[in-house]
PDB file of N, CA and C in Angstrom:
ATOM      1  N   MET A   1     -56.747 137.929 199.693  1.00  0.00           N
ATOM      2  CA  MET A   1     -56.789 136.789 198.805  1.00  0.00           C
ATOM      3  C   MET A   1     -56.203 137.205 197.456  1.00  0.00           C
ATOM      4  N   SER A   2     -55.264 136.428 196.965  1.00  0.00           N
ATOM      5  CA  SER A   2     -54.619 136.771 195.693  1.00  0.00           C
ATOM      6  C   SER A   2     -55.531 136.471 194.519  1.00  0.00           C
ATOM      7  N   GLY A   3     -55.265 137.159 193.398  1.00  0.00           N
ATOM      8  CA  GLY A   3     -56.031 136.919 192.188  1.00  0.00           C
ATOM      9  C   GLY A   3     -55.888 135.490 191.699  1.00  0.00           C
ATOM     10  N   THR A   4     -54.700 134.926 191.838  1.00  0.00           N
ATOM     11  CA  THR A   4     -54.463 133.544 191.424  1.00  0.00           C
ATOM     12  C   THR A   4     -55.296 132.587 192.257  1.00  0.00           C
ATOM     13  N   PHE A   5     -55.352 132.816 193.561  1.00  0.00           N
ATOM     14  CA  PHE A   5     -56.132 131.965 194.445  1.00  0.00           C
ATOM     15  C   PHE A   5     -57.614 132.064 194.078  1.00  0.00           C
ATOM     16  N   THR A   6     -58.102 133.280 193.846  1.00  0.00           N
ATOM     17  CA  THR A   6     -59.507 133.488 193.466  1.00  0.00           C
ATOM     18  C   THR A   6     -59.812 132.774 192.158  1.00  0.00           C
ATOM     19  N   LYS A   7     -58.897 132.875 191.205  1.00  0.00           N
ATOM     20  CA  LYS A   7     -59.076 132.219 189.905  1.00  0.00           C
ATOM     21  C   LYS A   7     -59.180 130.705 190.086  1.00  0.00           C
ATOM     22  N   LYS A   8     -58.292 130.130 190.874  1.00  0.00           N
ATOM     23  CA  LYS A   8     -58.323 128.685 191.114  1.00  0.00           C
ATOM     24  C   LYS A   8     -59.607 128.280 191.830  1.00  0.00           C
ATOM     25  N   LEU A   9     -60.050 129.098 192.762  1.00  0.00           N
ATOM     26  CA  LEU A   9     -61.285 128.819 193.488  1.00  0.00           C
ATOM     27  C   LEU A   9     -62.479 128.814 192.530  1.00  0.00           C
ATOM     28  N   LEU A  10     -62.547 129.806 191.650  1.00  0.00           N
ATOM     29  CA  LEU A  10     -63.635 129.872 190.668  1.00  0.00           C
ATOM     30  C   LEU A  10     -63.574 128.709 189.680  1.00  0.00           C
ATOM     31  N   LEU A  11     -62.396 128.376 189.191  1.00  0.00           N
ATOM     32  CA  LEU A  11     -62.251 127.254 188.265  1.00  0.00           C
ATOM     33  C   LEU A  11     -62.718 125.959 188.908  1.00  0.00           C
ATOM     34  N   THR A  12     -62.351 125.773 190.165  1.00  0.00           N
ATOM     35  CA  THR A  12     -62.766 124.576 190.897  1.00  0.00           C
ATOM     36  C   THR A  12     -64.283 124.540 191.047  1.00  0.00           C
ATOM     37  N   ALA A  13     -64.884 125.682 191.358  1.00  0.00           N
ATOM     38  CA  ALA A  13     -66.342 125.757 191.512  1.00  0.00           C
ATOM     39  C   ALA A  13     -67.042 125.406 190.208  1.00  0.00           C
ATOM     40  N   TYR A  14     -66.571 125.960 189.088  1.00  0.00           N
ATOM     41  CA  TYR A  14     -67.180 125.653 187.795  1.00  0.00           C
ATOM     42  C   TYR A  14     -67.010 124.169 187.456  1.00  0.00           C
ATOM     43  N   ALA A  15     -65.824 123.636 187.700  1.00  0.00           N
ATOM     44  CA  ALA A  15     -65.575 122.219 187.401  1.00  0.00           C
ATOM     45  C   ALA A  15     -66.536 121.326 188.178  1.00  0.00           C
ATOM     46  N   HIS A  16     -66.748 121.631 189.443  1.00  0.00           N
ATOM     47  CA  HIS A  16     -67.680 120.844 190.252  1.00  0.00           C
ATOM     48  C   HIS A  16     -69.128 121.134 189.852  1.00  0.00           C
ATOM     49  N   GLY A  17     -69.396 122.331 189.351  1.00  0.00           N
ATOM     50  CA  GLY A  17     -70.745 122.688 188.926  1.00  0.00           C
ATOM     51  C   GLY A  17     -71.272 121.809 187.815  1.00  0.00           C
ATOM     52  N   VAL A  18     -70.399 121.380 186.912  1.00  0.00           N
ATOM     53  CA  VAL A  18     -70.806 120.525 185.799  1.00  0.00           C
ATOM     54  C   VAL A  18     -71.349 119.193 186.298  1.00  0.00           C
ATOM     55  N   ALA A  19     -70.943 118.772 187.479  1.00  0.00           N
ATOM     56  CA  ALA A  19     -71.410 117.501 188.042  1.00  0.00           C
ATOM     57  C   ALA A  19     -72.807 117.620 188.666  1.00  0.00           C
ATOM     58  N   MET A  20     -73.300 118.833 188.850  1.00  0.00           N
ATOM     59  CA  MET A  20     -74.620 119.029 189.443  1.00  0.00           C
ATOM     60  C   MET A  20     -75.709 118.581 188.469  1.00  0.00           C
ATOM     61  N   ASP A  21     -76.807 118.070 189.009  1.00  0.00           N
ATOM     62  CA  ASP A  21     -77.908 117.571 188.172  1.00  0.00           C
ATOM     63  C   ASP A  21     -78.372 118.606 187.152  1.00  0.00           C
ATOM     64  N   LYS A  22     -78.448 119.860 187.559  1.00  0.00           N
ATOM     65  CA  LYS A  22     -78.933 120.922 186.682  1.00  0.00           C
ATOM     66  C   LYS A  22     -78.063 121.084 185.430  1.00  0.00           C
ATOM     67  N   PHE A  23     -76.774 120.732 185.523  1.00  0.00           N
ATOM     68  CA  PHE A  23     -75.846 120.922 184.414  1.00  0.00           C
ATOM     69  C   PHE A  23     -75.391 119.614 183.771  1.00  0.00           C
ATOM     70  N   LYS A  24     -76.069 118.490 184.073  1.00  0.00           N
ATOM     71  CA  LYS A  24     -75.700 117.204 183.468  1.00  0.00           C
ATOM     72  C   LYS A  24     -75.694 117.333 181.949  1.00  0.00           C
ATOM     73  N   GLY A  25     -74.699 116.757 181.310  1.00  0.00           N
ATOM     74  CA  GLY A  25     -74.581 116.809 179.857  1.00  0.00           C
ATOM     75  C   GLY A  25     -73.841 118.027 179.343  1.00  0.00           C
ATOM     76  N   ASN A  26     -73.463 118.929 180.240  1.00  0.00           N
ATOM     77  CA  ASN A  26     -72.726 120.125 179.838  1.00  0.00           C
ATOM     78  C   ASN A  26     -71.224 119.902 179.982  1.00  0.00           C
ATOM     79  N   LYS A  27     -70.468 120.795 179.388  1.00  0.00           N
ATOM     80  CA  LYS A  27     -69.013 120.824 179.501  1.00  0.00           C
ATOM     81  C   LYS A  27     -68.620 122.189 180.029  1.00  0.00           C
ATOM     82  N   ILE A  28     -67.351 122.331 180.402  1.00  0.00           N
ATOM     83  CA  ILE A  28     -66.862 123.674 180.698  1.00  0.00           C
ATOM     84  C   ILE A  28     -66.107 124.169 179.468  1.00  0.00           C
ATOM     85  N   PHE A  29     -66.178 125.467 179.256  1.00  0.00           N
ATOM     86  CA  PHE A  29     -65.498 126.108 178.137  1.00  0.00           C
ATOM     87  C   PHE A  29     -64.472 127.068 178.714  1.00  0.00           C
ATOM     88  N   LEU A  30     -63.210 126.860 178.356  1.00  0.00           N
ATOM     89  CA  LEU A  30     -62.118 127.666 178.877  1.00  0.00           C
ATOM     90  C   LEU A  30     -61.572 128.552 177.764  1.00  0.00           C
ATOM     91  N   VAL A  31     -61.503 129.818 178.020  1.00  0.00           N
ATOM     92  CA  VAL A  31     -60.932 130.750 177.050  1.00  0.00           C
ATOM     93  C   VAL A  31     -59.459 130.909 177.404  1.00  0.00           C
ATOM     94  N   THR A  32     -58.590 130.613 176.457  1.00  0.00           N
ATOM     95  CA  THR A  32     -57.143 130.695 176.676  1.00  0.00           C
ATOM     96  C   THR A  32     -56.517 131.473 175.518  1.00  0.00           C
ATOM     97  N   PRO A  33     -55.253 131.854 175.647  1.00  0.00           N
ATOM     98  CA  PRO A  33     -54.585 132.510 174.522  1.00  0.00           C
ATOM     99  C   PRO A  33     -54.515 131.621 173.273  1.00  0.00           C
ATOM    100  N   ALA A  34     -54.572 130.301 173.464  1.00  0.00           N
ATOM    101  CA  ALA A  34     -54.479 129.373 172.343  1.00  0.00           C
ATOM    102  C   ALA A  34     -55.822 129.134 171.664  1.00  0.00           C
ATOM    103  N   GLY A  35     -56.915 129.538 172.288  1.00  0.00           N
ATOM    104  CA  GLY A  35     -58.244 129.302 171.738  1.00  0.00           C
ATOM    105  C   GLY A  35     -59.200 128.879 172.834  1.00  0.00           C
ATOM    106  N   ILE A  36     -60.304 128.268 172.440  1.00  0.00           N
ATOM    107  CA  ILE A  36     -61.307 127.815 173.397  1.00  0.00           C
ATOM    108  C   ILE A  36     -61.158 126.307 173.572  1.00  0.00           C
ATOM    109  N   ILE A  37     -61.029 125.894 174.815  1.00  0.00           N
ATOM    110  CA  ILE A  37     -60.916 124.482 175.155  1.00  0.00           C
ATOM    111  C   ILE A  37     -62.196 124.099 175.883  1.00  0.00           C
ATOM    112  N   SER A  38     -62.855 123.035 175.427  1.00  0.00           N
ATOM    113  CA  SER A  38     -64.044 122.559 176.122  1.00  0.00           C
ATOM    114  C   SER A  38     -63.857 121.101 176.478  1.00  0.00           C
ATOM    115  N   GLY A  39     -64.437 120.709 177.595  1.00  0.00           N
ATOM    116  CA  GLY A  39     -64.342 119.317 178.009  1.00  0.00           C
ATOM    117  C   GLY A  39     -65.114 119.073 179.288  1.00  0.00           C
ATOM    118  N   ILE A  40     -65.113 117.821 179.705  1.00  0.00           N
ATOM    119  CA  ILE A  40     -65.793 117.401 180.921  1.00  0.00           C
ATOM    120  C   ILE A  40     -64.748 117.261 182.021  1.00  0.00           C
ATOM    121  N   PRO A  41     -64.888 117.995 183.126  1.00  0.00           N
ATOM    122  CA  PRO A  41     -63.909 117.871 184.212  1.00  0.00           C
ATOM    123  C   PRO A  41     -63.911 116.463 184.812  1.00  0.00           C
ATOM    124  N   VAL A  42     -62.742 115.957 185.081  1.00  0.00           N
ATOM    125  CA  VAL A  42     -62.590 114.662 185.736  1.00  0.00           C
ATOM    126  C   VAL A  42     -62.294 114.956 187.200  1.00  0.00           C
ATOM    127  N   LEU A  43     -63.253 114.662 188.071  1.00  0.00           N
ATOM    128  CA  LEU A  43     -63.135 115.039 189.479  1.00  0.00           C
ATOM    129  C   LEU A  43     -62.719 113.879 190.367  1.00  0.00           C
ATOM    130  N   GLU A  44     -62.755 112.665 189.846  1.00  0.00           N
ATOM    131  CA  GLU A  44     -62.372 111.484 190.622  1.00  0.00           C
ATOM    132  C   GLU A  44     -61.489 110.596 189.760  1.00  0.00           C
ATOM    133  N   LYS A  45     -60.862 109.615 190.395  1.00  0.00           N
ATOM    134  CA  LYS A  45     -60.052 108.652 189.650  1.00  0.00           C
ATOM    135  C   LYS A  45     -60.923 107.948 188.631  1.00  0.00           C
ATOM    136  N   ASP A  46     -60.417 107.762 187.427  1.00  0.00           N
ATOM    137  CA  ASP A  46     -61.147 107.089 186.364  1.00  0.00           C
ATOM    138  C   ASP A  46     -60.246 106.016 185.773  1.00  0.00           C
ATOM    139  N   GLU A  47     -60.392 104.801 186.289  1.00  0.00           N
ATOM    140  CA  GLU A  47     -59.563 103.689 185.820  1.00  0.00           C
ATOM    141  C   GLU A  47     -60.103 103.096 184.524  1.00  0.00           C
ATOM    142  N   ASN A  48     -61.347 103.416 184.170  1.00  0.00           N
ATOM    143  CA  ASN A  48     -61.958 102.826 182.980  1.00  0.00           C
ATOM    144  C   ASN A  48     -61.539 103.513 181.690  1.00  0.00           C
ATOM    145  N   ASP A  49     -61.175 104.768 181.753  1.00  0.00           N
ATOM    146  CA  ASP A  49     -60.756 105.518 180.574  1.00  0.00           C
ATOM    147  C   ASP A  49     -59.227 105.594 180.597  1.00  0.00           C
ATOM    148  N   MET A  50     -58.577 104.835 179.733  1.00  0.00           N
ATOM    149  CA  MET A  50     -57.114 104.724 179.739  1.00  0.00           C
ATOM    150  C   MET A  50     -56.438 106.080 179.542  1.00  0.00           C
ATOM    151  N   ASN A  51     -56.970 106.922 178.675  1.00  0.00           N
ATOM    152  CA  ASN A  51     -56.365 108.229 178.423  1.00  0.00           C
ATOM    153  C   ASN A  51     -56.382 109.087 179.679  1.00  0.00           C
ATOM    154  N   VAL A  52     -57.512 109.094 180.377  1.00  0.00           N
ATOM    155  CA  VAL A  52     -57.633 109.867 181.613  1.00  0.00           C
ATOM    156  C   VAL A  52     -56.747 109.261 182.692  1.00  0.00           C
ATOM    157  N   ALA A  53     -56.748 107.937 182.803  1.00  0.00           N
ATOM    158  CA  ALA A  53     -55.954 107.258 183.830  1.00  0.00           C
ATOM    159  C   ALA A  53     -54.461 107.564 183.672  1.00  0.00           C
ATOM    160  N   ILE A  54     -53.980 107.613 182.433  1.00  0.00           N
ATOM    161  CA  ILE A  54     -52.563 107.918 182.191  1.00  0.00           C
ATOM    162  C   ILE A  54     -52.242 109.341 182.642  1.00  0.00           C
ATOM    163  N   LEU A  55     -53.074 110.304 182.259  1.00  0.00           N
ATOM    164  CA  LEU A  55     -52.829 111.688 182.688  1.00  0.00           C
ATOM    165  C   LEU A  55     -52.888 111.810 184.207  1.00  0.00           C
ATOM    166  N   GLN A  56     -53.855 111.133 184.816  1.00  0.00           N
ATOM    167  CA  GLN A  56     -53.959 111.200 186.271  1.00  0.00           C
ATOM    168  C   GLN A  56     -52.717 110.601 186.932  1.00  0.00           C
ATOM    169  N   ALA A  57     -52.177 109.535 186.372  1.00  0.00           N
ATOM    170  CA  ALA A  57     -50.961 108.928 186.921  1.00  0.00           C
ATOM    171  C   ALA A  57     -49.774 109.889 186.798  1.00  0.00           C
ATOM    172  N   PHE A  58     -49.635 110.546 185.655  1.00  0.00           N
ATOM    173  CA  PHE A  58     -48.568 111.543 185.489  1.00  0.00           C
ATOM    174  C   PHE A  58     -48.723 112.668 186.500  1.00  0.00           C
ATOM    175  N   ASN A  59     -49.951 113.165 186.615  1.00  0.00           N
ATOM    176  CA  ASN A  59     -50.214 114.268 187.537  1.00  0.00           C
ATOM    177  C   ASN A  59     -49.951 113.861 188.984  1.00  0.00           C
ATOM    178  N   ASP A  60     -50.388 112.658 189.364  1.00  0.00           N
ATOM    179  CA  ASP A  60     -50.170 112.179 190.731  1.00  0.00           C
ATOM    180  C   ASP A  60     -48.684 112.066 191.046  1.00  0.00           C
ATOM    181  N   SER A  61     -47.910 111.567 190.085  1.00  0.00           N
ATOM    182  CA  SER A  61     -46.458 111.451 190.282  1.00  0.00           C
ATOM    183  C   SER A  61     -45.828 112.820 190.505  1.00  0.00           C
ATOM    184  N   THR A  62     -46.278 113.799 189.728  1.00  0.00           N
ATOM    185  CA  THR A  62     -45.754 115.160 189.859  1.00  0.00           C
ATOM    186  C   THR A  62     -46.104 115.749 191.219  1.00  0.00           C
ATOM    187  N   VAL A  63     -47.325 115.517 191.677  1.00  0.00           N
ATOM    188  CA  VAL A  63     -47.757 116.025 192.985  1.00  0.00           C
ATOM    189  C   VAL A  63     -46.927 115.401 194.094  1.00  0.00           C
ATOM    190  N   LYS A  64     -46.625 114.115 193.980  1.00  0.00           N
ATOM    191  CA  LYS A  64     -45.800 113.443 194.993  1.00  0.00           C
ATOM    192  C   LYS A  64     -44.397 114.049 195.044  1.00  0.00           C
ATOM    193  N   ILE A  65     -43.841 114.325 193.877  1.00  0.00           N
ATOM    194  CA  ILE A  65     -42.511 114.945 193.826  1.00  0.00           C
ATOM    195  C   ILE A  65     -42.571 116.343 194.440  1.00  0.00           C
ATOM    196  N   LYS A  66     -43.614 117.091 194.098  1.00  0.00           N
ATOM    197  CA  LYS A  66     -43.775 118.441 194.639  1.00  0.00           C
ATOM    198  C   LYS A  66     -43.898 118.412 196.158  1.00  0.00           C
ATOM    199  N   ALA A  67     -44.554 117.377 196.700  1.00  0.00           N
ATOM    200  CA  ALA A  67     -44.745 117.256 198.149  1.00  0.00           C
ATOM    201  C   ALA A  67     -43.414 117.116 198.883  1.00  0.00           C
ATOM    202  N   GLU A  68     -42.409 116.634 198.191  1.00  0.00           N
ATOM    203  CA  GLU A  68     -41.093 116.462 198.801  1.00  0.00           C
ATOM    204  C   GLU A  68     -40.301 117.764 198.859  1.00  0.00           C
ATOM    205  N   ILE A  69     -40.771 118.779 198.153  1.00  0.00           N
ATOM    206  CA  ILE A  69     -40.104 120.084 198.150  1.00  0.00           C
ATOM    207  C   ILE A  69     -40.489 120.812 199.432  1.00  0.00           C
ATOM    208  N   PRO A  70     -39.538 121.419 200.125  1.00  0.00           N
ATOM    209  CA  PRO A  70     -39.867 122.132 201.367  1.00  0.00           C
ATOM    210  C   PRO A  70     -40.945 123.187 201.151  1.00  0.00           C
ATOM    211  N   ALA A  71     -41.830 123.345 202.135  1.00  0.00           N
ATOM    212  CA  ALA A  71     -42.968 124.266 202.040  1.00  0.00           C
ATOM    213  C   ALA A  71     -42.542 125.688 201.693  1.00  0.00           C
ATOM    214  N   GLU A  72     -41.418 126.138 202.223  1.00  0.00           N
ATOM    215  CA  GLU A  72     -40.980 127.509 201.951  1.00  0.00           C
ATOM    216  C   GLU A  72     -40.530 127.703 200.501  1.00  0.00           C
ATOM    217  N   ALA A  73     -40.332 126.609 199.784  1.00  0.00           N
ATOM    218  CA  ALA A  73     -39.891 126.704 198.399  1.00  0.00           C
ATOM    219  C   ALA A  73     -41.054 126.668 197.402  1.00  0.00           C
ATOM    220  N   SER A  74     -42.283 126.414 197.884  1.00  0.00           N
ATOM    221  CA  SER A  74     -43.427 126.352 196.978  1.00  0.00           C
ATOM    222  C   SER A  74     -44.610 127.117 197.570  1.00  0.00           C
ATOM    223  N   PRO A  75     -45.536 127.588 196.727  1.00  0.00           N
ATOM    224  CA  PRO A  75     -46.700 128.336 197.212  1.00  0.00           C
ATOM    225  C   PRO A  75     -47.570 127.492 198.139  1.00  0.00           C
ATOM    226  N   ALA A  76     -48.295 128.142 199.008  1.00  0.00           N
ATOM    227  CA  ALA A  76     -49.114 127.444 199.999  1.00  0.00           C
ATOM    228  C   ALA A  76     -50.563 127.285 199.547  1.00  0.00           C
ATOM    229  N   ASP A  77     -50.853 127.501 198.257  1.00  0.00           N
ATOM    230  CA  ASP A  77     -52.228 127.368 197.770  1.00  0.00           C
ATOM    231  C   ASP A  77     -52.778 125.979 198.071  1.00  0.00           C
ATOM    232  N   ALA A  78     -54.003 125.941 198.508  1.00  0.00           N
ATOM    233  CA  ALA A  78     -54.653 124.674 198.799  1.00  0.00           C
ATOM    234  C   ALA A  78     -55.300 124.077 197.548  1.00  0.00           C
ATOM    235  N   LEU A  79     -55.487 124.876 196.523  1.00  0.00           N
ATOM    236  CA  LEU A  79     -56.154 124.405 195.317  1.00  0.00           C
ATOM    237  C   LEU A  79     -55.151 123.988 194.260  1.00  0.00           C
ATOM    238  N   SER A  80     -55.596 123.136 193.388  1.00  0.00           N
ATOM    239  CA  SER A  80     -54.741 122.599 192.349  1.00  0.00           C
ATOM    240  C   SER A  80     -54.319 123.672 191.344  1.00  0.00           C
ATOM    241  N   GLU A  81     -53.170 123.467 190.756  1.00  0.00           N
ATOM    242  CA  GLU A  81     -52.669 124.361 189.718  1.00  0.00           C
ATOM    243  C   GLU A  81     -53.106 123.882 188.336  1.00  0.00           C
ATOM    244  N   TYR A  82     -53.765 122.733 188.289  1.00  0.00           N
ATOM    245  CA  TYR A  82     -54.200 122.140 187.036  1.00  0.00           C
ATOM    246  C   TYR A  82     -55.414 121.260 187.298  1.00  0.00           C
ATOM    247  N   PHE A  83     -56.092 120.860 186.240  1.00  0.00           N
ATOM    248  CA  PHE A  83     -57.115 119.833 186.342  1.00  0.00           C
ATOM    249  C   PHE A  83     -57.194 119.102 185.015  1.00  0.00           C
ATOM    250  N   VAL A  84     -57.858 117.953 185.015  1.00  0.00           N
ATOM    251  CA  VAL A  84     -57.954 117.108 183.829  1.00  0.00           C
ATOM    252  C   VAL A  84     -59.355 117.231 183.236  1.00  0.00           C
ATOM    253  N   LEU A  85     -59.407 117.352 181.910  1.00  0.00           N
ATOM    254  CA  LEU A  85     -60.663 117.318 181.162  1.00  0.00           C
ATOM    255  C   LEU A  85     -60.653 116.082 180.279  1.00  0.00           C
ATOM    256  N   LYS A  86     -61.839 115.516 180.024  1.00  0.00           N
ATOM    257  CA  LYS A  86     -61.942 114.423 179.057  1.00  0.00           C
ATOM    258  C   LYS A  86     -62.881 114.842 177.949  1.00  0.00           C
ATOM    259  N   ASP A  87     -62.864 114.097 176.831  1.00  0.00           N
ATOM    260  CA  ASP A  87     -63.662 114.433 175.642  1.00  0.00           C
ATOM    261  C   ASP A  87     -63.444 115.892 175.259  1.00  0.00           C
ATOM    262  N   VAL A  88     -62.200 116.237 175.025  1.00  0.00           N
ATOM    263  CA  VAL A  88     -61.790 117.634 174.846  1.00  0.00           C
ATOM    264  C   VAL A  88     -61.843 118.062 173.387  1.00  0.00           C
ATOM    265  N   GLN A  89     -62.260 119.308 173.212  1.00  0.00           N
ATOM    266  CA  GLN A  89     -62.298 119.937 171.899  1.00  0.00           C
ATOM    267  C   GLN A  89     -61.554 121.262 172.022  1.00  0.00           C
ATOM    268  N   ILE A  90     -60.592 121.500 171.130  1.00  0.00           N
ATOM    269  CA  ILE A  90     -59.825 122.746 171.140  1.00  0.00           C
ATOM    270  C   ILE A  90     -60.127 123.482 169.837  1.00  0.00           C
ATOM    271  N   GLN A  91     -60.626 124.715 169.962  1.00  0.00           N
ATOM    272  CA  GLN A  91     -60.986 125.522 168.796  1.00  0.00           C
ATOM    273  C   GLN A  91     -60.164 126.796 168.781  1.00  0.00           C
ATOM    274  N   LYS A  92     -59.615 127.104 167.619  1.00  0.00           N
ATOM    275  CA  LYS A  92     -58.887 128.352 167.448  1.00  0.00           C
ATOM    276  C   LYS A  92     -59.387 129.001 166.170  1.00  0.00           C
ATOM    277  N   ASP A  93     -59.588 130.305 166.218  1.00  0.00           N
ATOM    278  CA  ASP A  93     -60.101 131.006 165.045  1.00  0.00           C
ATOM    279  C   ASP A  93     -59.251 130.713 163.811  1.00  0.00           C
ATOM    280  N   GLY A  94     -59.931 130.388 162.720  1.00  0.00           N
ATOM    281  CA  GLY A  94     -59.248 130.212 161.451  1.00  0.00           C
ATOM    282  C   GLY A  94     -58.533 128.894 161.272  1.00  0.00           C
ATOM    283  N   SER A  95     -58.650 127.965 162.211  1.00  0.00           N
ATOM    284  CA  SER A  95     -57.989 126.679 162.030  1.00  0.00           C
ATOM    285  C   SER A  95     -58.938 125.550 162.430  1.00  0.00           C
ATOM    286  N   ALA A  96     -58.539 124.360 162.115  1.00  0.00           N
ATOM    287  CA  ALA A  96     -59.381 123.197 162.380  1.00  0.00           C
ATOM    288  C   ALA A  96     -59.544 122.958 163.877  1.00  0.00           C
ATOM    289  N   THR A  97     -60.670 122.371 164.231  1.00  0.00           N
ATOM    290  CA  THR A  97     -60.916 121.974 165.613  1.00  0.00           C
ATOM    291  C   THR A  97     -60.150 120.683 165.874  1.00  0.00           C
ATOM    292  N   VAL A  98     -59.519 120.616 167.041  1.00  0.00           N
ATOM    293  CA  VAL A  98     -58.758 119.434 167.426  1.00  0.00           C
ATOM    294  C   VAL A  98     -59.513 118.728 168.547  1.00  0.00           C
ATOM    295  N   PHE A  99     -59.652 117.418 168.425  1.00  0.00           N
ATOM    296  CA  PHE A  99     -60.295 116.614 169.459  1.00  0.00           C
ATOM    297  C   PHE A  99     -59.231 115.725 170.096  1.00  0.00           C
ATOM    298  N   VAL A 100     -59.182 115.707 171.424  1.00  0.00           N
ATOM    299  CA  VAL A 100     -58.278 114.817 172.145  1.00  0.00           C
ATOM    300  C   VAL A 100     -59.068 114.137 173.261  1.00  0.00           C
ATOM    301  N   PRO A 101     -58.706 112.911 173.605  1.00  0.00           N
ATOM    302  CA  PRO A 101     -59.487 112.193 174.602  1.00  0.00           C
ATOM    303  C   PRO A 101     -59.351 112.758 176.021  1.00  0.00           C
ATOM    304  N   ALA A 102     -58.190 113.324 176.356  1.00  0.00           N
ATOM    305  CA  ALA A 102     -57.974 113.873 177.695  1.00  0.00           C
ATOM    306  C   ALA A 102     -56.884 114.935 177.627  1.00  0.00           C
ATOM    307  N   LEU A 103     -56.975 115.913 178.542  1.00  0.00           N
ATOM    308  CA  LEU A 103     -56.022 117.024 178.535  1.00  0.00           C
ATOM    309  C   LEU A 103     -55.845 117.553 179.951  1.00  0.00           C
ATOM    310  N   THR A 104     -54.604 117.785 180.354  1.00  0.00           N
ATOM    311  CA  THR A 104     -54.326 118.479 181.607  1.00  0.00           C
ATOM    312  C   THR A 104     -54.267 119.966 181.293  1.00  0.00           C
ATOM    313  N   VAL A 105     -55.076 120.765 181.987  1.00  0.00           N
ATOM    314  CA  VAL A 105     -55.154 122.201 181.759  1.00  0.00           C
ATOM    315  C   VAL A 105     -54.549 122.913 182.966  1.00  0.00           C
ATOM    316  N   PHE A 106     -53.662 123.865 182.715  1.00  0.00           N
ATOM    317  CA  PHE A 106     -53.022 124.619 183.782  1.00  0.00           C
ATOM    318  C   PHE A 106     -53.803 125.899 184.042  1.00  0.00           C
ATOM    319  N   CYS A 107     -54.147 126.133 185.276  1.00  0.00           N
ATOM    320  CA  CYS A 107     -55.020 127.248 185.662  1.00  0.00           C
ATOM    321  C   CYS A 107     -54.482 128.605 185.242  1.00  0.00           C
ATOM    322  N   ASP A 108     -53.184 128.792 185.248  1.00  0.00           N
ATOM    323  CA  ASP A 108     -52.630 130.112 184.941  1.00  0.00           C
ATOM    324  C   ASP A 108     -52.786 130.499 183.473  1.00  0.00           C
ATOM    325  N   GLN A 109     -53.170 129.555 182.618  1.00  0.00           N
ATOM    326  CA  GLN A 109     -53.330 129.833 181.197  1.00  0.00           C
ATOM    327  C   GLN A 109     -54.768 130.147 180.804  1.00  0.00           C
ATOM    328  N   ILE A 110     -55.672 130.183 181.784  1.00  0.00           N
ATOM    329  CA  ILE A 110     -57.092 130.370 181.494  1.00  0.00           C
ATOM    330  C   ILE A 110     -57.483 131.827 181.686  1.00  0.00           C
ATOM    331  N   ILE A 111     -58.160 132.372 180.687  1.00  0.00           N
ATOM    332  CA  ILE A 111     -58.631 133.755 180.738  1.00  0.00           C
ATOM    333  C   ILE A 111     -60.060 133.810 181.272  1.00  0.00           C
ATOM    334  N   GLY A 112     -60.909 132.852 180.883  1.00  0.00           N
ATOM    335  CA  GLY A 112     -62.305 132.837 181.303  1.00  0.00           C
ATOM    336  C   GLY A 112     -62.855 131.436 181.304  1.00  0.00           C
ATOM    337  N   ILE A 113     -64.046 131.262 181.909  1.00  0.00           N
ATOM    338  CA  ILE A 113     -64.667 129.939 182.003  1.00  0.00           C
ATOM    339  C   ILE A 113     -66.179 130.091 182.002  1.00  0.00           C
ATOM    340  N   THR A 114     -66.869 129.102 181.446  1.00  0.00           N
ATOM    341  CA  THR A 114     -68.322 129.033 181.516  1.00  0.00           C
ATOM    342  C   THR A 114     -68.737 127.574 181.430  1.00  0.00           C
ATOM    343  N   ILE A 115     -70.008 127.321 181.645  1.00  0.00           N
ATOM    344  CA  ILE A 115     -70.566 125.981 181.525  1.00  0.00           C
ATOM    345  C   ILE A 115     -71.585 126.023 180.400  1.00  0.00           C
ATOM    346  N   GLY A 116     -71.591 125.003 179.554  1.00  0.00           N
ATOM    347  CA  GLY A 116     -72.548 124.959 178.477  1.00  0.00           C
ATOM    348  C   GLY A 116     -72.476 123.638 177.742  1.00  0.00           C
ATOM    349  N   ASN A 117     -73.175 123.566 176.620  1.00  0.00           N
ATOM    350  CA  ASN A 117     -73.111 122.389 175.763  1.00  0.00           C
ATOM    351  C   ASN A 117     -72.924 122.861 174.330  1.00  0.00           C
ATOM    352  N   GLN A 118     -72.840 121.948 173.412  1.00  0.00           N
ATOM    353  CA  GLN A 118     -72.547 122.326 172.029  1.00  0.00           C
ATOM    354  C   GLN A 118     -73.597 123.285 171.489  1.00  0.00           C
ATOM    355  N   ASN A 119     -74.852 123.130 171.902  1.00  0.00           N
ATOM    356  CA  ASN A 119     -75.910 124.020 171.419  1.00  0.00           C
ATOM    357  C   ASN A 119     -75.709 125.443 171.906  1.00  0.00           C
ATOM    358  N   THR A 120     -75.329 125.623 173.169  1.00  0.00           N
ATOM    359  CA  THR A 120     -75.128 126.978 173.687  1.00  0.00           C
ATOM    360  C   THR A 120     -73.831 127.565 173.168  1.00  0.00           C
ATOM    361  N   ALA A 121     -72.863 126.723 172.829  1.00  0.00           N
ATOM    362  CA  ALA A 121     -71.562 127.214 172.362  1.00  0.00           C
ATOM    363  C   ALA A 121     -71.645 127.773 170.946  1.00  0.00           C
ATOM    364  N   ASN A 122     -72.624 127.349 170.173  1.00  0.00           N
ATOM    365  CA  ASN A 122     -72.719 127.766 168.774  1.00  0.00           C
ATOM    366  C   ASN A 122     -73.641 128.964 168.551  1.00  0.00           C
ATOM    367  N   ARG A 123     -74.136 129.562 169.589  1.00  0.00           N
ATOM    368  CA  ARG A 123     -75.049 130.714 169.426  1.00  0.00           C
ATOM    369  C   ARG A 123     -74.299 131.967 169.132  1.00  0.00           C
TER     370      ARG A 123
END
């Protein structure tokens, strides 16, 4: 099993973990070279949130185009190379926190992941 596959598997597990009753109200925190990104994973279609719906439409279009590429020309990973977060907060040392309604995050840019809420993030 490749490191990339393991990373995607773990990211997927954490994203689904936030939906569990025990973690309701929590977000995932992603450590990236750009800073810490926190948000709520979007695991299903969300037509009610326009920002999320737009990103999902862009992502779906890209996946359809990718599906037309011959299998030998693309990796055979079964897991997504990205996922969508909503209610996103991006923090970088020494600069202002940025809030965005939705963000597509690419798995290869993530260094670490955890589940928590604002109270646990500030300790």
